Amino acid sequence: MTGAGSCRRDNHHTPTKHQEVFMAIRIGIDVACRAVHRAACADATGSLLWKNVRFRTSPEDLEALWQRIPAGEADITVVMEPTRNAWVPLAAWFRRHGAKVVMVPPEQSADLRDYYNKHAKTDRLDAELLARLPGLHPEGLHIEQGLGCAEPLRRAVKIRSTLVRRRVTCTQRLDALLEILGPDWICALGTVMSATVLLFLTRWPDPQQVLRLGHKRLTDWLARQSRGMWGAQKAEAILNAAAATLRLWGADGMDFAALAADIALEAELALDLDRQIKAIDKRIATYYDKADPEHIALSVPGVGQILAAQIIGRLGDPQRFTNLAAVRSYSGLVPRQNSSGVASAAGGPTKQGDACLREAIFLAADHARRSDPTLAQRYHRLMVENGKHHTSALCSIGAVLLTRIATCLRKGEPYLLLDIDGTPITAQQGRAIAKERYSVPEAVRKARRTVHRSDSQQPTDVMMGGRGSSTKRGVARRSKVTTTPQPACIG
């Protein structure tokens, strides 16, 4: 394979009017995961030079495609959609050969395709549209410099987030299986599935086995595994739960062996996930130190290393965004808007950005608003004065926090914690101020949790995109339409 300087050889045909000493070439590629890719080539005016070229992600096919580019020193831009992970090796190959790679959001290209051909969608049309896109929407093109999902930190934090969700699913299933044995088991073991609880359930999930184990042996085992936190009192509660199960079901009312096998399996899965999460945490710490050597994300109040790494890994280079509004839009924490004339309606979050970044920012906002008085004041106003529920208020706080984090990363400066009047304070002082001045009364929280569907949406509809959360244009069905804009649920 030849390099960028020697790869474009002279084609053996007569130059056309499109070929100049220096010209702009736009190659649109409709990326496929399993099938062949489709490519089209256009000049700066949008005229197609060739189209419907099929190729696969192989050095030979890519080399043949590169040879189709007109001779001469050309400014080559490759436009693609981020189709799963199939675009990554293509982008790396074209960048290595001197081309600029532009990634276009699928929603953007789909809307433009509907404008050109409402009732047809083919790979050929997609490739031609992408080749012409630079001339149709030049301000929406952003050069992709990184490797996206091939970046180690970006990939690792996504895997960790998935592992955590899997563990939550395992513990929920364990909780449901223990309910079959009776409510005393939940009282004895607790709802938090610690390592000691999981290990106990892998060894003695059968209440009959627990009773045969005896009080002394169980006490010694619990004290050893929990490092002295549990002892005779916990052992007594577990033995009482086992005895209550046998009285509840009787000797022949339940196949305890089969149920015990299911419980042990779920506990084993949860323990294995715990080990994998601890292992990937060590990798993430190493990747984070390289991605953020100044630990700017760690300077955000309430943000630990895991959340900081997840924010940095999923946000990527903040300099690649044209402005801070684009950063907020990338997170999906901006409200849907539908305005026409004097009427205006605001809906819930667009949720069109990176879900893993949105998850990290949402959790970080809940911690930061407890230590940052400026965020605590905004949260208090949204909850008390504007009548927002907790989830909606945190969406607003998250958008503000992400803007500040991106600003700090762009400037290379740590997060500065300030009081309302601009006075620098410590995290301890910030927590005291937020608690003293901006605590939301419990009565207000209780009132916000009760939402009548005749008046508003359920909070889960806004955050999770549930049924009834949006109309065809993505605006909340029950959003109030007035002649003056209403405050959106996200600031």
Protein backbone atom coordinates (compact mmCIF):
# COMPACT_ATOMS: atom_id res chain seq x y z
CA MET A 1 0.00 0.00 0.00
CA THR A 2 1.40 3.40 -0.90
CA GLY A 3 1.44 6.46 1.28
CA ALA A 4 -0.46 9.70 1.06
CA GLY A 5 2.06 11.40 -1.18
CA SER A 6 2.31 8.68 -3.81
CA CYS A 7 -1.01 6.92 -3.68
CA ARG A 8 -2.88 9.08 -6.22
CA ARG A 9 -1.45 8.03 -9.54
CA ASP A 10 -2.23 9.58 -12.90
CA ASN A 11 -5.33 8.07 -14.46
CA HIS A 12 -5.04 7.00 -18.08
CA HIS A 13 -7.88 9.00 -19.55
CA THR A 14 -8.39 12.48 -20.98
CA PRO A 15 -8.91 15.16 -18.30
CA THR A 16 -12.45 16.49 -18.13
CA LYS A 17 -13.75 19.90 -17.21
CA HIS A 18 -13.97 18.74 -13.59
CA GLN A 19 -10.24 18.07 -13.39
CA GLU A 20 -8.05 21.03 -12.52
CA VAL A 21 -4.61 21.54 -11.05
CA PHE A 22 -6.25 21.99 -7.64
CA MET A 23 -9.84 20.97 -7.05
CA ALA A 24 -12.15 20.02 -4.23
CA ILE A 25 -13.30 16.41 -4.25
CA ARG A 26 -16.09 15.11 -2.01
CA ILE A 27 -16.51 11.37 -1.55
CA GLY A 28 -19.73 10.19 0.07
CA ILE A 29 -19.71 6.69 1.53
CA ASP A 30 -22.75 4.80 2.72
CA VAL A 31 -21.14 2.49 5.29
CA ALA A 32 -22.51 -1.02 5.71
CA CYS A 33 -21.82 -3.43 8.56
CA ARG A 34 -22.02 -6.73 6.67
CA ALA A 35 -22.85 -5.79 3.07
CA VAL A 36 -20.67 -3.86 0.64
CA HIS A 37 -20.20 -0.12 1.06
CA ARG A 38 -21.42 2.30 -1.62
CA ALA A 39 -19.43 5.38 -2.68
CA ALA A 40 -20.07 8.41 -4.86
CA CYS A 41 -17.74 11.25 -5.82
CA ALA A 42 -18.67 14.88 -6.49
CA ASP A 43 -16.76 18.08 -7.17
CA ALA A 44 -17.15 21.37 -5.33
CA THR A 45 -20.23 22.28 -7.40
CA GLY A 46 -22.03 19.07 -6.43
CA SER A 47 -21.73 17.49 -9.88
CA LEU A 48 -21.20 13.75 -9.63
CA LEU A 49 -17.96 12.47 -11.16
CA TRP A 50 -18.85 8.84 -10.50
CA LYS A 51 -21.36 7.00 -8.35
CA ASN A 52 -22.56 3.64 -7.04
CA VAL A 53 -19.07 2.21 -6.61
CA ARG A 54 -19.14 -0.86 -4.40
CA PHE A 55 -16.24 -1.85 -2.16
CA ARG A 56 -15.41 -3.56 1.10
CA THR A 57 -13.12 -2.66 3.97
CA SER A 58 -10.03 -4.27 2.51
CA PRO A 59 -6.72 -2.69 1.43
CA GLU A 60 -7.25 -3.83 -2.18
CA ASP A 61 -10.76 -2.39 -2.50
CA LEU A 62 -9.78 0.86 -0.80
CA GLU A 63 -6.76 1.21 -3.04
CA ALA A 64 -8.93 0.70 -6.12
CA LEU A 65 -11.41 3.30 -4.86
CA TRP A 66 -8.58 5.77 -4.25
CA GLN A 67 -7.36 5.34 -7.82
CA ARG A 68 -10.73 6.59 -9.10
CA ILE A 69 -10.05 10.05 -7.70
CA PRO A 70 -9.15 12.49 -10.51
CA ALA A 71 -5.46 13.22 -10.96
CA GLY A 72 -3.89 16.34 -9.54
CA GLU A 73 -3.39 17.80 -6.09
CA ALA A 74 -6.97 17.65 -4.82
CA ASP A 75 -8.57 18.69 -1.55
CA ILE A 76 -10.32 15.43 -0.67
CA THR A 77 -13.09 15.22 1.91
CA VAL A 78 -14.70 11.89 2.81
CA VAL A 79 -18.22 12.16 4.24
CA MET A 80 -19.71 9.24 6.18
CA GLU A 81 -22.33 8.41 8.77
CA PRO A 82 -21.16 6.74 12.02
CA THR A 83 -22.65 3.32 11.28
CA ARG A 84 -21.88 1.23 14.39
CA ASN A 85 -18.10 0.64 14.43
CA ALA A 86 -17.70 -0.10 10.73
CA TRP A 87 -16.70 3.50 9.96
CA VAL A 88 -13.61 3.48 12.22
CA PRO A 89 -11.15 1.54 9.99
CA LEU A 90 -12.39 3.42 6.93
CA ALA A 91 -11.82 6.79 8.59
CA ALA A 92 -8.35 5.77 9.75
CA TRP A 93 -7.39 4.57 6.24
CA PHE A 94 -8.55 7.74 4.48
CA ARG A 95 -6.94 10.02 7.06
CA ARG A 96 -3.67 8.18 6.66
CA HIS A 97 -3.84 8.86 2.91
CA GLY A 98 -4.30 12.61 3.32
CA ALA A 99 -8.09 12.98 3.16
CA LYS A 100 -10.25 14.91 5.61
CA VAL A 101 -12.94 12.77 7.22
CA VAL A 102 -16.32 14.26 8.12
CA MET A 103 -18.90 12.41 10.20
CA VAL A 104 -22.54 13.39 9.64
CA PRO A 105 -25.29 12.60 12.18
CA PRO A 106 -27.78 10.12 10.66
CA GLU A 107 -30.72 12.36 11.61
CA GLN A 108 -29.24 15.24 9.60
CA SER A 109 -28.66 13.20 6.46
CA ALA A 110 -32.05 11.49 6.77
CA ASP A 111 -33.89 14.82 6.84
CA LEU A 112 -31.97 16.00 3.77
CA ARG A 113 -32.67 12.74 1.97
CA ASP A 114 -36.40 13.18 2.62
CA TYR A 115 -36.17 16.60 0.99
CA TYR A 116 -34.64 15.10 -2.16
CA ASN A 117 -36.66 11.90 -2.34
CA LYS A 118 -39.42 11.46 0.21
CA HIS A 119 -40.37 7.89 -0.64
CA ALA A 120 -37.08 6.22 -1.45
CA LYS A 121 -34.07 5.22 0.59
CA THR A 122 -31.29 3.24 -1.02
CA ASP A 123 -27.57 2.91 -0.41
CA ARG A 124 -26.91 4.56 -3.77
CA LEU A 125 -29.00 7.62 -2.88
CA ASP A 126 -27.35 7.86 0.53
CA ALA A 127 -23.85 7.85 -0.97
CA GLU A 128 -24.75 10.52 -3.54
CA LEU A 129 -26.37 12.68 -0.88
CA LEU A 130 -23.31 12.46 1.38
CA ALA A 131 -21.03 13.40 -1.53
CA ARG A 132 -23.11 16.55 -2.16
CA LEU A 133 -23.59 17.43 1.49
CA PRO A 134 -20.51 19.72 1.81
CA GLY A 135 -21.98 22.05 -0.78
CA LEU A 136 -25.49 21.91 0.72
CA HIS A 137 -24.63 22.38 4.38
CA PRO A 138 -20.96 23.46 4.76
CA GLU A 139 -21.44 25.00 8.21
CA GLY A 140 -22.61 21.62 9.57
CA LEU A 141 -19.40 19.79 8.65
CA HIS A 142 -16.93 19.00 11.39
CA ILE A 143 -13.65 17.26 10.70
CA GLU A 144 -13.31 14.03 12.69
CA GLN A 145 -9.81 13.80 14.12
CA GLY A 146 -10.12 10.99 16.64
CA LEU A 147 -10.93 7.31 16.32
CA GLY A 148 -14.30 7.50 18.05
CA CYS A 149 -15.20 4.15 19.55
CA ALA A 150 -11.66 2.92 18.90
CA GLU A 151 -10.30 5.30 21.56
CA PRO A 152 -9.37 3.15 24.60
CA LEU A 153 -10.86 5.45 27.26
CA ARG A 154 -14.07 6.03 25.31
CA ARG A 155 -14.52 2.30 24.83
CA ALA A 156 -13.58 1.36 28.40
CA VAL A 157 -16.03 3.72 30.12
CA LYS A 158 -18.83 2.48 27.88
CA ILE A 159 -18.02 -1.12 28.77
CA ARG A 160 -17.98 -0.25 32.47
CA SER A 161 -21.35 1.45 32.22
CA THR A 162 -22.74 -1.69 30.57
CA LEU A 163 -21.23 -3.92 33.26
CA VAL A 164 -22.79 -1.82 36.00
CA ARG A 165 -26.22 -2.09 34.38
CA ARG A 166 -25.80 -5.84 34.09
CA ARG A 167 -24.93 -6.11 37.76
CA VAL A 168 -27.97 -4.05 38.68
CA THR A 169 -30.09 -6.47 36.64
CA CYS A 170 -28.56 -9.44 38.49
CA THR A 171 -29.23 -7.95 41.90
CA GLN A 172 -32.81 -7.12 40.91
CA ARG A 173 -33.36 -10.73 39.86
CA LEU A 174 -31.80 -11.92 43.12
CA ASP A 175 -34.12 -9.66 45.07
CA ALA A 176 -37.10 -11.12 43.20
CA LEU A 177 -35.94 -14.71 43.84
CA LEU A 178 -35.47 -14.05 47.54
CA GLU A 179 -39.04 -12.77 47.68
CA ILE A 180 -40.16 -16.30 46.81
CA LEU A 181 -38.50 -17.56 49.99
CA GLY A 182 -40.31 -14.93 52.02
CA PRO A 183 -39.96 -11.32 53.20
CA ASP A 184 -37.71 -12.25 56.15
CA TRP A 185 -34.79 -12.87 53.76
CA ILE A 186 -34.82 -9.28 52.51
CA CYS A 187 -34.91 -8.02 56.10
CA ALA A 188 -32.03 -10.31 57.08
CA LEU A 189 -29.72 -9.75 54.10
CA GLY A 190 -30.73 -6.21 53.17
CA THR A 191 -31.41 -4.74 49.74
CA VAL A 192 -27.74 -3.88 49.09
CA MET A 193 -26.13 -6.97 47.58
CA SER A 194 -22.64 -6.69 49.04
CA ALA A 195 -19.83 -9.11 48.28
CA THR A 196 -20.50 -10.96 51.55
CA VAL A 197 -24.19 -11.40 50.72
CA LEU A 198 -23.43 -12.61 47.20
CA LEU A 199 -20.81 -15.07 48.41
CA PHE A 200 -23.24 -16.39 51.03
CA LEU A 201 -25.92 -16.93 48.39
CA THR A 202 -23.51 -18.87 46.18
CA ARG A 203 -22.74 -21.29 49.04
CA TRP A 204 -25.94 -21.64 51.03
CA PRO A 205 -28.94 -20.46 49.00
CA ASP A 206 -31.12 -23.31 50.34
CA PRO A 207 -32.81 -22.51 53.71
CA GLN A 208 -32.47 -26.15 54.70
CA GLN A 209 -28.69 -25.91 54.21
CA VAL A 210 -28.62 -22.73 56.29
CA LEU A 211 -30.32 -24.43 59.23
CA ARG A 212 -27.92 -27.37 59.04
CA LEU A 213 -24.99 -24.94 59.05
CA GLY A 214 -25.75 -23.82 62.57
CA HIS A 215 -25.38 -20.57 64.47
CA LYS A 216 -21.69 -20.80 65.43
CA ARG A 217 -20.34 -21.76 62.01
CA LEU A 218 -22.46 -19.12 60.28
CA THR A 219 -21.35 -16.46 62.79
CA ASP A 220 -17.68 -17.26 62.28
CA TRP A 221 -18.04 -17.25 58.48
CA LEU A 222 -19.89 -13.93 58.42
CA ALA A 223 -17.36 -12.27 60.74
CA ARG A 224 -14.47 -13.50 58.60
CA GLN A 225 -15.97 -12.48 55.25
CA SER A 226 -17.28 -9.09 56.40
CA ARG A 227 -14.10 -8.30 58.36
CA GLY A 228 -15.94 -8.08 61.64
CA MET A 229 -18.90 -6.00 60.49
CA TRP A 230 -21.35 -8.88 60.81
CA GLY A 231 -21.54 -11.42 63.57
CA ALA A 232 -23.94 -13.28 65.82
CA GLN A 233 -26.84 -10.85 65.33
CA LYS A 234 -26.77 -11.15 61.53
CA ALA A 235 -26.41 -14.94 61.75
CA GLU A 236 -29.45 -15.09 64.03
CA ALA A 237 -31.52 -13.04 61.55
CA ILE A 238 -30.54 -15.33 58.65
CA LEU A 239 -31.36 -18.49 60.62
CA ASN A 240 -34.72 -17.03 61.61
CA ALA A 241 -35.44 -16.22 57.94
CA ALA A 242 -34.61 -19.81 56.94
CA ALA A 243 -36.88 -21.21 59.63
CA ALA A 244 -39.70 -18.85 58.61
CA THR A 245 -39.38 -20.04 54.99
CA LEU A 246 -39.83 -23.67 56.00
CA ARG A 247 -42.87 -22.80 58.12
CA LEU A 248 -44.30 -20.73 55.25
CA TRP A 249 -43.86 -23.36 52.52
CA GLY A 250 -43.89 -26.55 54.52
CA ALA A 251 -41.66 -29.52 53.89
CA ASP A 252 -42.99 -30.35 50.40
CA GLY A 253 -44.43 -27.04 49.23
CA MET A 254 -41.36 -25.90 47.28
CA ASP A 255 -38.48 -27.46 45.37
CA PHE A 256 -35.84 -25.59 47.35
CA ALA A 257 -32.96 -27.24 45.48
CA ALA A 258 -34.10 -25.88 42.10
CA LEU A 259 -34.69 -22.41 43.51
CA ALA A 260 -31.31 -22.51 45.27
CA ALA A 261 -29.59 -23.31 41.96
CA ASP A 262 -31.14 -20.22 40.35
CA ILE A 263 -30.15 -18.01 43.28
CA ALA A 264 -26.58 -19.33 43.29
CA LEU A 265 -26.26 -18.74 39.55
CA GLU A 266 -27.39 -15.12 39.78
CA ALA A 267 -25.07 -14.51 42.73
CA GLU A 268 -22.14 -16.00 40.80
CA LEU A 269 -22.87 -13.73 37.85
CA ALA A 270 -23.01 -10.68 40.12
CA LEU A 271 -19.69 -11.61 41.77
CA ASP A 272 -18.06 -12.11 38.38
CA LEU A 273 -19.33 -8.72 37.24
CA ASP A 274 -17.88 -7.18 40.40
CA ARG A 275 -14.48 -8.61 39.54
CA GLN A 276 -14.69 -7.35 35.96
CA ILE A 277 -15.72 -3.86 37.10
CA LYS A 278 -12.75 -3.67 39.49
CA ALA A 279 -10.39 -4.80 36.73
CA ILE A 280 -11.65 -2.27 34.19
CA ASP A 281 -11.51 0.49 36.83
CA LYS A 282 -7.73 0.06 36.94
CA ARG A 283 -7.50 0.37 33.16
CA ILE A 284 -9.74 3.44 33.17
CA ALA A 285 -7.54 5.13 35.78
CA THR A 286 -4.50 4.69 33.52
CA TYR A 287 -6.32 5.94 30.41
CA TYR A 288 -7.74 8.93 32.30
CA ASP A 289 -4.33 10.08 33.52
CA LYS A 290 -3.19 10.23 29.89
CA ALA A 291 -6.34 11.92 28.56
CA ASP A 292 -6.59 14.52 31.34
CA PRO A 293 -3.09 14.89 32.87
CA GLU A 294 -4.10 18.07 34.71
CA HIS A 295 -7.15 16.28 36.21
CA ILE A 296 -9.41 19.17 35.27
CA ALA A 297 -12.54 17.01 35.31
CA LEU A 298 -11.62 15.80 38.80
CA SER A 299 -11.65 19.40 40.04
CA VAL A 300 -15.43 19.52 39.57
CA PRO A 301 -17.07 19.30 43.03
CA GLY A 302 -18.51 15.88 43.76
CA VAL A 303 -16.98 14.23 40.69
CA GLY A 304 -14.74 11.23 41.34
CA GLN A 305 -12.35 9.44 39.04
CA ILE A 306 -14.98 7.16 37.47
CA LEU A 307 -17.34 9.98 36.51
CA ALA A 308 -14.46 12.21 35.44
CA ALA A 309 -13.11 9.50 33.16
CA GLN A 310 -16.56 8.83 31.72
CA ILE A 311 -17.08 12.53 30.95
CA ILE A 312 -13.65 12.93 29.35
CA GLY A 313 -13.89 9.64 27.44
CA ARG A 314 -17.31 10.28 25.94
CA LEU A 315 -16.92 14.02 25.35
CA GLY A 316 -13.60 13.69 23.55
CA ASP A 317 -11.68 16.78 22.47
CA PRO A 318 -13.80 19.81 23.46
CA GLN A 319 -12.00 21.92 20.86
CA ARG A 320 -13.74 20.02 18.06
CA PHE A 321 -17.05 21.72 18.86
CA THR A 322 -17.72 25.07 17.21
CA ASN A 323 -19.24 26.53 20.38
CA LEU A 324 -20.55 25.57 23.79
CA ALA A 325 -24.09 25.21 22.47
CA ALA A 326 -22.82 22.36 20.29
CA VAL A 327 -21.38 20.70 23.40
CA ARG A 328 -24.76 20.83 25.13
CA SER A 329 -26.49 19.56 22.01
CA TYR A 330 -24.06 16.63 21.83
CA SER A 331 -25.12 15.56 25.32
CA GLY A 332 -28.82 15.54 24.39
CA LEU A 333 -29.65 17.69 27.44
CA VAL A 334 -31.15 20.55 25.46
CA PRO A 335 -34.94 20.92 25.17
CA ARG A 336 -36.95 20.30 22.06
CA GLN A 337 -38.31 23.52 20.62
CA ASN A 338 -41.28 24.14 18.34
CA SER A 339 -41.92 27.81 17.62
CA SER A 340 -44.03 29.45 14.98
CA GLY A 341 -44.92 33.12 14.96
CA VAL A 342 -45.83 34.17 18.50
CA ALA A 343 -46.54 30.61 19.68
CA SER A 344 -43.82 28.61 21.37
CA ALA A 345 -43.67 25.17 22.95
CA ALA A 346 -40.81 23.47 24.74
CA GLY A 347 -40.53 19.74 25.29
CA GLY A 348 -38.25 17.40 27.12
CA PRO A 349 -34.58 16.69 26.39
CA THR A 350 -33.77 15.78 22.80
CA LYS A 351 -31.67 12.80 23.97
CA GLN A 352 -30.04 12.80 20.53
CA GLY A 353 -26.47 12.90 21.79
CA ASP A 354 -24.17 10.45 23.54
CA ALA A 355 -26.20 8.48 26.09
CA CYS A 356 -23.14 7.46 28.10
CA LEU A 357 -22.05 11.09 28.44
CA ARG A 358 -25.58 12.10 29.41
CA GLU A 359 -25.60 9.42 32.12
CA ALA A 360 -22.31 10.69 33.58
CA ILE A 361 -23.37 14.35 33.49
CA PHE A 362 -26.72 13.56 35.13
CA LEU A 363 -24.98 11.77 38.01
CA ALA A 364 -22.30 14.47 38.28
CA ALA A 365 -24.96 17.19 38.43
CA ASP A 366 -26.64 15.51 41.39
CA HIS A 367 -23.33 15.59 43.29
CA ALA A 368 -22.20 19.03 42.15
CA ARG A 369 -25.39 20.85 43.12
CA ARG A 370 -24.73 19.80 46.75
CA SER A 371 -21.34 21.57 46.80
CA ASP A 372 -21.60 24.43 44.29
CA PRO A 373 -23.81 27.29 45.61
CA THR A 374 -24.48 28.62 42.09
CA LEU A 375 -25.83 25.24 40.98
CA ALA A 376 -27.66 24.78 44.29
CA GLN A 377 -29.38 28.14 43.80
CA ARG A 378 -30.48 27.18 40.30
CA TYR A 379 -31.72 23.78 41.49
CA HIS A 380 -33.66 25.43 44.35
CA ARG A 381 -35.27 27.91 41.96
CA LEU A 382 -36.31 25.22 39.51
CA MET A 383 -37.78 23.03 42.23
CA VAL A 384 -39.43 25.66 44.47
CA GLU A 385 -40.29 28.56 42.17
CA ASN A 386 -40.68 26.94 38.74
CA GLY A 387 -42.39 23.77 39.94
CA LYS A 388 -40.01 21.31 38.26
CA HIS A 389 -39.49 17.78 39.51
CA HIS A 390 -36.08 16.45 40.53
CA THR A 391 -35.27 14.78 37.21
CA SER A 392 -36.14 17.85 35.16
CA ALA A 393 -34.14 20.13 37.44
CA LEU A 394 -31.08 17.88 37.21
CA CYS A 395 -31.29 17.99 33.41
CA SER A 396 -30.97 21.75 33.61
CA ILE A 397 -28.12 21.54 36.11
CA GLY A 398 -26.39 18.94 33.94
CA ALA A 399 -26.46 21.17 30.86
CA VAL A 400 -24.95 24.06 32.84
CA LEU A 401 -22.32 21.82 34.44
CA LEU A 402 -21.28 20.34 31.09
CA THR A 403 -20.87 23.85 29.68
CA ARG A 404 -18.58 24.77 32.56
CA ILE A 405 -16.55 21.57 32.26
CA ALA A 406 -16.06 22.11 28.52
CA THR A 407 -14.98 25.70 29.17
CA CYS A 408 -12.43 24.58 31.75
CA LEU A 409 -11.07 21.92 29.38
CA ARG A 410 -10.78 24.42 26.53
CA LYS A 411 -8.89 26.89 28.70
CA GLY A 412 -6.87 24.24 30.52
CA GLU A 413 -7.98 25.59 33.90
CA PRO A 414 -9.47 23.73 36.88
CA TYR A 415 -13.07 24.19 37.98
CA LEU A 416 -13.29 27.22 40.29
CA LEU A 417 -15.84 26.93 43.09
CA LEU A 418 -17.51 30.30 43.78
CA ASP A 419 -20.16 31.66 46.07
CA ILE A 420 -23.14 33.55 44.66
CA ASP A 421 -21.25 36.84 44.94
CA GLY A 422 -18.21 35.45 43.12
CA THR A 423 -16.08 34.80 46.18
CA PRO A 424 -13.85 31.69 45.87
CA ILE A 425 -14.74 29.04 48.44
CA THR A 426 -13.74 25.50 49.35
CA ALA A 427 -15.83 22.41 48.74
CA GLN A 428 -16.59 22.15 52.46
CA GLN A 429 -17.80 25.76 52.55
CA GLY A 430 -19.85 25.13 49.41
CA ARG A 431 -21.63 22.17 50.99
CA ALA A 432 -22.44 24.20 54.08
CA ILE A 433 -23.81 27.12 52.01
CA ALA A 434 -25.90 24.85 49.78
CA LYS A 435 -27.37 23.06 52.79
CA GLU A 436 -28.10 26.23 54.73
CA ARG A 437 -29.53 28.44 51.98
CA TYR A 438 -30.84 26.17 49.24
CA SER A 439 -32.24 23.04 50.85
CA VAL A 440 -35.51 22.04 49.20
CA PRO A 441 -38.22 21.37 51.80
CA GLU A 442 -39.40 17.78 51.99
CA ALA A 443 -43.00 18.92 51.43
CA VAL A 444 -41.96 20.43 48.10
CA ARG A 445 -40.16 17.24 47.07
CA LYS A 446 -43.19 15.18 47.97
CA ALA A 447 -45.45 17.46 45.95
CA ARG A 448 -43.14 17.24 42.93
CA ARG A 449 -43.18 13.44 43.04
CA THR A 450 -46.97 13.44 42.61
CA VAL A 451 -47.66 14.47 39.01
CA HIS A 452 -51.19 14.30 37.60
CA ARG A 453 -51.35 13.23 33.96
CA SER A 454 -54.16 15.70 33.32
CA ASP A 455 -51.75 18.52 34.16
CA SER A 456 -48.33 17.33 33.10
CA GLN A 457 -46.19 14.40 32.08
CA GLN A 458 -44.74 11.73 34.28
CA PRO A 459 -41.05 12.39 34.99
CA THR A 460 -40.07 9.06 33.46
CA ASP A 461 -41.75 10.06 30.19
CA VAL A 462 -39.47 13.07 29.89
CA MET A 463 -36.22 11.29 30.78
CA MET A 464 -36.75 7.87 29.23
CA GLY A 465 -38.76 8.84 26.16
CA GLY A 466 -41.73 6.79 27.33
CA ARG A 467 -45.15 6.57 25.75
CA GLY A 468 -46.82 9.93 25.57
CA SER A 469 -43.56 11.87 25.87
CA SER A 470 -43.49 13.42 22.42
CA THR A 471 -45.42 14.19 19.31
CA LYS A 472 -44.34 13.68 15.71
CA ARG A 473 -42.08 16.70 15.96
CA GLY A 474 -40.64 15.63 19.30
CA VAL A 475 -42.42 18.23 21.45
CA ALA A 476 -44.23 17.20 24.61
CA ARG A 477 -47.93 16.62 23.91
CA ARG A 478 -49.06 18.52 26.95
CA SER A 479 -46.52 21.35 26.70
CA LYS A 480 -48.29 24.60 27.32
CA VAL A 481 -48.51 26.81 24.23
CA THR A 482 -48.75 30.50 24.91
CA THR A 483 -48.02 33.76 23.17
CA THR A 484 -44.82 34.16 25.24
CA PRO A 485 -42.10 31.56 25.58
CA GLN A 486 -42.36 29.48 28.74
CA PRO A 487 -39.31 28.37 30.72
CA ALA A 488 -38.07 25.08 29.33
CA CYS A 489 -37.33 22.17 31.63
CA ILE A 490 -33.69 22.66 30.76
CA GLY A 491 -31.88 25.93 31.18
